[in-house]
C-alpha atoms as a PDB file:
ATOM      1  CA  MET A   1       0.000   0.000   0.000  1.00  0.00           C
ATOM      2  CA  LEU A   2       1.350   3.406  -0.970  1.00  0.00           C
ATOM      3  CA  SER A   3       1.963   6.351   1.326  1.00  0.00           C
ATOM      4  CA  LEU A   4       2.470  10.022   0.503  1.00  0.00           C
ATOM      5  CA  ASP A   5       6.177   9.571   1.248  1.00  0.00           C
ATOM      6  CA  ASP A   6       6.607   7.003  -1.537  1.00  0.00           C
ATOM      7  CA  ARG A   7       8.375   7.891  -4.747  1.00  0.00           C
ATOM      8  CA  LEU A   8       7.325   6.549  -8.129  1.00  0.00           C
ATOM      9  CA  ARG A   9       8.649   6.712 -11.648  1.00  0.00           C
ATOM     10  CA  ALA A  10       7.110   6.115 -15.029  1.00  0.00           C
ATOM     11  CA  ASN A  11       7.571   2.640 -16.452  1.00  0.00           C
ATOM     12  CA  PRO A  12      10.403   2.943 -18.999  1.00  0.00           C
ATOM     13  CA  ALA A  13       8.670   0.345 -21.198  1.00  0.00           C
ATOM     14  CA  ALA A  14       5.636   2.619 -21.570  1.00  0.00           C
ATOM     15  CA  VAL A  15       5.093   4.579 -24.750  1.00  0.00           C
ATOM     16  CA  THR A  16       3.220   7.858 -24.293  1.00  0.00           C
ATOM     17  CA  ARG A  17       1.435  10.220 -26.637  1.00  0.00           C
ATOM     18  CA  GLU A  18      -0.201  13.488 -25.661  1.00  0.00           C
ATOM     19  CA  ALA A  19      -3.230  14.663 -27.599  1.00  0.00           C
ATOM     20  CA  GLU A  20      -5.892  17.266 -26.843  1.00  0.00           C
ATOM     21  CA  GLY A  21      -5.166  17.484 -23.124  1.00  0.00           C
ATOM     22  CA  GLU A  22      -5.005  13.727 -22.595  1.00  0.00           C
ATOM     23  CA  LEU A  23      -2.128  11.311 -22.281  1.00  0.00           C
ATOM     24  CA  VAL A  24      -2.294   7.863 -23.839  1.00  0.00           C
ATOM     25  CA  VAL A  25       0.060   5.402 -22.143  1.00  0.00           C
ATOM     26  CA  VAL A  26       0.726   2.140 -23.983  1.00  0.00           C
ATOM     27  CA  LEU A  27       2.474  -0.834 -22.404  1.00  0.00           C
ATOM     28  CA  PRO A  28       3.389  -2.890 -25.481  1.00  0.00           C
ATOM     29  CA  GLU A  29       4.775  -5.841 -23.511  1.00  0.00           C
ATOM     30  CA  HIS A  30       1.452  -6.284 -21.736  1.00  0.00           C
ATOM     31  CA  GLY A  31      -0.883  -5.298 -24.574  1.00  0.00           C
ATOM     32  CA  LYS A  32      -2.433  -2.625 -22.333  1.00  0.00           C
ATOM     33  CA  PHE A  33      -3.154   1.060 -22.669  1.00  0.00           C
ATOM     34  CA  VAL A  34      -4.492   3.771 -20.373  1.00  0.00           C
ATOM     35  CA  VAL A  35      -5.941   7.175 -21.295  1.00  0.00           C
ATOM     36  CA  LEU A  36      -5.365   9.879 -18.684  1.00  0.00           C
ATOM     37  CA  ASN A  37      -6.965  13.298 -18.294  1.00  0.00           C
ATOM     38  CA  ARG A  38      -4.919  16.447 -17.578  1.00  0.00           C
ATOM     39  CA  VAL A  39      -4.553  15.742 -13.866  1.00  0.00           C
ATOM     40  CA  GLY A  40      -3.602  12.111 -14.441  1.00  0.00           C
ATOM     41  CA  MET A  41      -1.142  13.251 -17.071  1.00  0.00           C
ATOM     42  CA  ARG A  42       0.507  15.587 -14.528  1.00  0.00           C
ATOM     43  CA  VAL A  43       0.842  12.763 -12.010  1.00  0.00           C
ATOM     44  CA  VAL A  44       2.714  10.665 -14.584  1.00  0.00           C
ATOM     45  CA  GLN A  45       4.811  13.621 -15.742  1.00  0.00           C
ATOM     46  CA  LEU A  46       5.795  14.538 -12.179  1.00  0.00           C
ATOM     47  CA  ALA A  47       6.556  10.946 -11.114  1.00  0.00           C
ATOM     48  CA  ASP A  48      10.279  11.159 -11.746  1.00  0.00           C
ATOM     49  CA  GLY A  49      11.519   9.037  -8.855  1.00  0.00           C
ATOM     50  CA  ALA A  50      12.821  12.102  -7.019  1.00  0.00           C
ATOM     51  CA  ARG A  51       9.511  13.611  -5.905  1.00  0.00           C
ATOM     52  CA  SER A  52       7.349  12.002  -3.236  1.00  0.00           C
ATOM     53  CA  LEU A  53       3.633  11.600  -3.804  1.00  0.00           C
ATOM     54  CA  ARG A  54       3.217  14.389  -1.235  1.00  0.00           C
ATOM     55  CA  ASP A  55       5.383  16.675  -3.409  1.00  0.00           C
ATOM     56  CA  ILE A  56       3.395  15.721  -6.502  1.00  0.00           C
ATOM     57  CA  ALA A  57       0.090  16.399  -4.731  1.00  0.00           C
ATOM     58  CA  ALA A  58       1.322  19.803  -3.559  1.00  0.00           C
ATOM     59  CA  LEU A  59       2.356  20.798  -7.083  1.00  0.00           C
ATOM     60  CA  ILE A  60      -0.949  19.641  -8.566  1.00  0.00           C
ATOM     61  CA  ALA A  61      -2.989  21.383  -5.842  1.00  0.00           C
ATOM     62  CA  GLU A  62      -1.134  24.609  -6.627  1.00  0.00           C
ATOM     63  CA  GLU A  63      -1.427  24.258 -10.420  1.00  0.00           C
ATOM     64  CA  PHE A  64      -5.151  23.479 -10.332  1.00  0.00           C
ATOM     65  CA  CYS A  65      -6.014  25.738  -7.340  1.00  0.00           C
ATOM     66  CA  ALA A  66      -7.469  22.763  -5.490  1.00  0.00           C
ATOM     67  CA  ASP A  67      -7.685  21.657  -1.862  1.00  0.00           C
ATOM     68  CA  MET A  68      -4.413  19.992  -0.830  1.00  0.00           C
ATOM     69  CA  ALA A  69      -6.034  17.361   1.394  1.00  0.00           C
ATOM     70  CA  GLN A  70      -8.391  16.241  -1.372  1.00  0.00           C
ATOM     71  CA  VAL A  71      -5.660  16.270  -4.022  1.00  0.00           C
ATOM     72  CA  ALA A  72      -3.338  14.246  -1.759  1.00  0.00           C
ATOM     73  CA  ALA A  73      -6.039  11.595  -1.231  1.00  0.00           C
ATOM     74  CA  ASP A  74      -6.783  11.480  -4.966  1.00  0.00           C
ATOM     75  CA  VAL A  75      -3.102  11.301  -5.959  1.00  0.00           C
ATOM     76  CA  LEU A  76      -2.513   8.477  -3.490  1.00  0.00           C
ATOM     77  CA  LYS A  77      -5.475   6.439  -4.756  1.00  0.00           C
ATOM     78  CA  PHE A  78      -4.795   7.158  -8.425  1.00  0.00           C
ATOM     79  CA  SER A  79      -1.084   6.354  -8.093  1.00  0.00           C
ATOM     80  CA  GLY A  80      -2.009   2.991  -6.572  1.00  0.00           C
ATOM     81  CA  THR A  81      -4.167   2.245  -9.601  1.00  0.00           C
ATOM     82  CA  LEU A  82      -1.363   3.278 -11.969  1.00  0.00           C
ATOM     83  CA  CYS A  83       1.055   1.008 -10.090  1.00  0.00           C
ATOM     84  CA  GLU A  84      -1.379  -1.907 -10.410  1.00  0.00           C
ATOM     85  CA  ARG A  85      -1.524  -1.244 -14.153  1.00  0.00           C
ATOM     86  CA  GLN A  86       2.295  -0.938 -14.250  1.00  0.00           C
ATOM     87  CA  VAL A  87       2.205   2.600 -15.646  1.00  0.00           C
ATOM     88  CA  LEU A  88       4.112   3.773 -12.558  1.00  0.00           C
ATOM     89  CA  LEU A  89       6.736   1.791 -10.679  1.00  0.00           C
ATOM     90  CA  PRO A  90       7.929   2.224  -7.092  1.00  0.00           C
ATOM     91  CA  VAL A  91      11.388   3.569  -6.446  1.00  0.00           C
ATOM     92  CA  ALA A  92      13.248   1.794  -3.655  1.00  0.00           C
ATOM     93  CA  PRO A  93      13.955   4.061  -0.685  1.00  0.00           C
ATOM     94  CA  PRO A  94      17.613   4.998  -0.274  1.00  0.00           C
ATOM     95  CA  SER A  95      19.457   2.574   1.973  1.00  0.00           C
ATOM     96  CA  SER A  96      20.945   4.041   5.121  1.00  0.00           C
END
């Protein structure tokens, strides 16, 4: 289960195409595709492995002038779905 402190990155095997405010993500190896709206597209774009889900939620809340608590909950749930579909992959925490 994900937390807001987790970091994710886009699956390098995914092929993406942006069109008319949507992002189409194709996973050729799995024969799957996902169509994301503007907010979903930003989650994938911001998931660079360096930012936490909390950081991503804060950026999206600011960009879309939305409530941070609601955006954080939505980003957490949506990121879990994208991980299940292998669009996003977890980044291992740094070892200490």
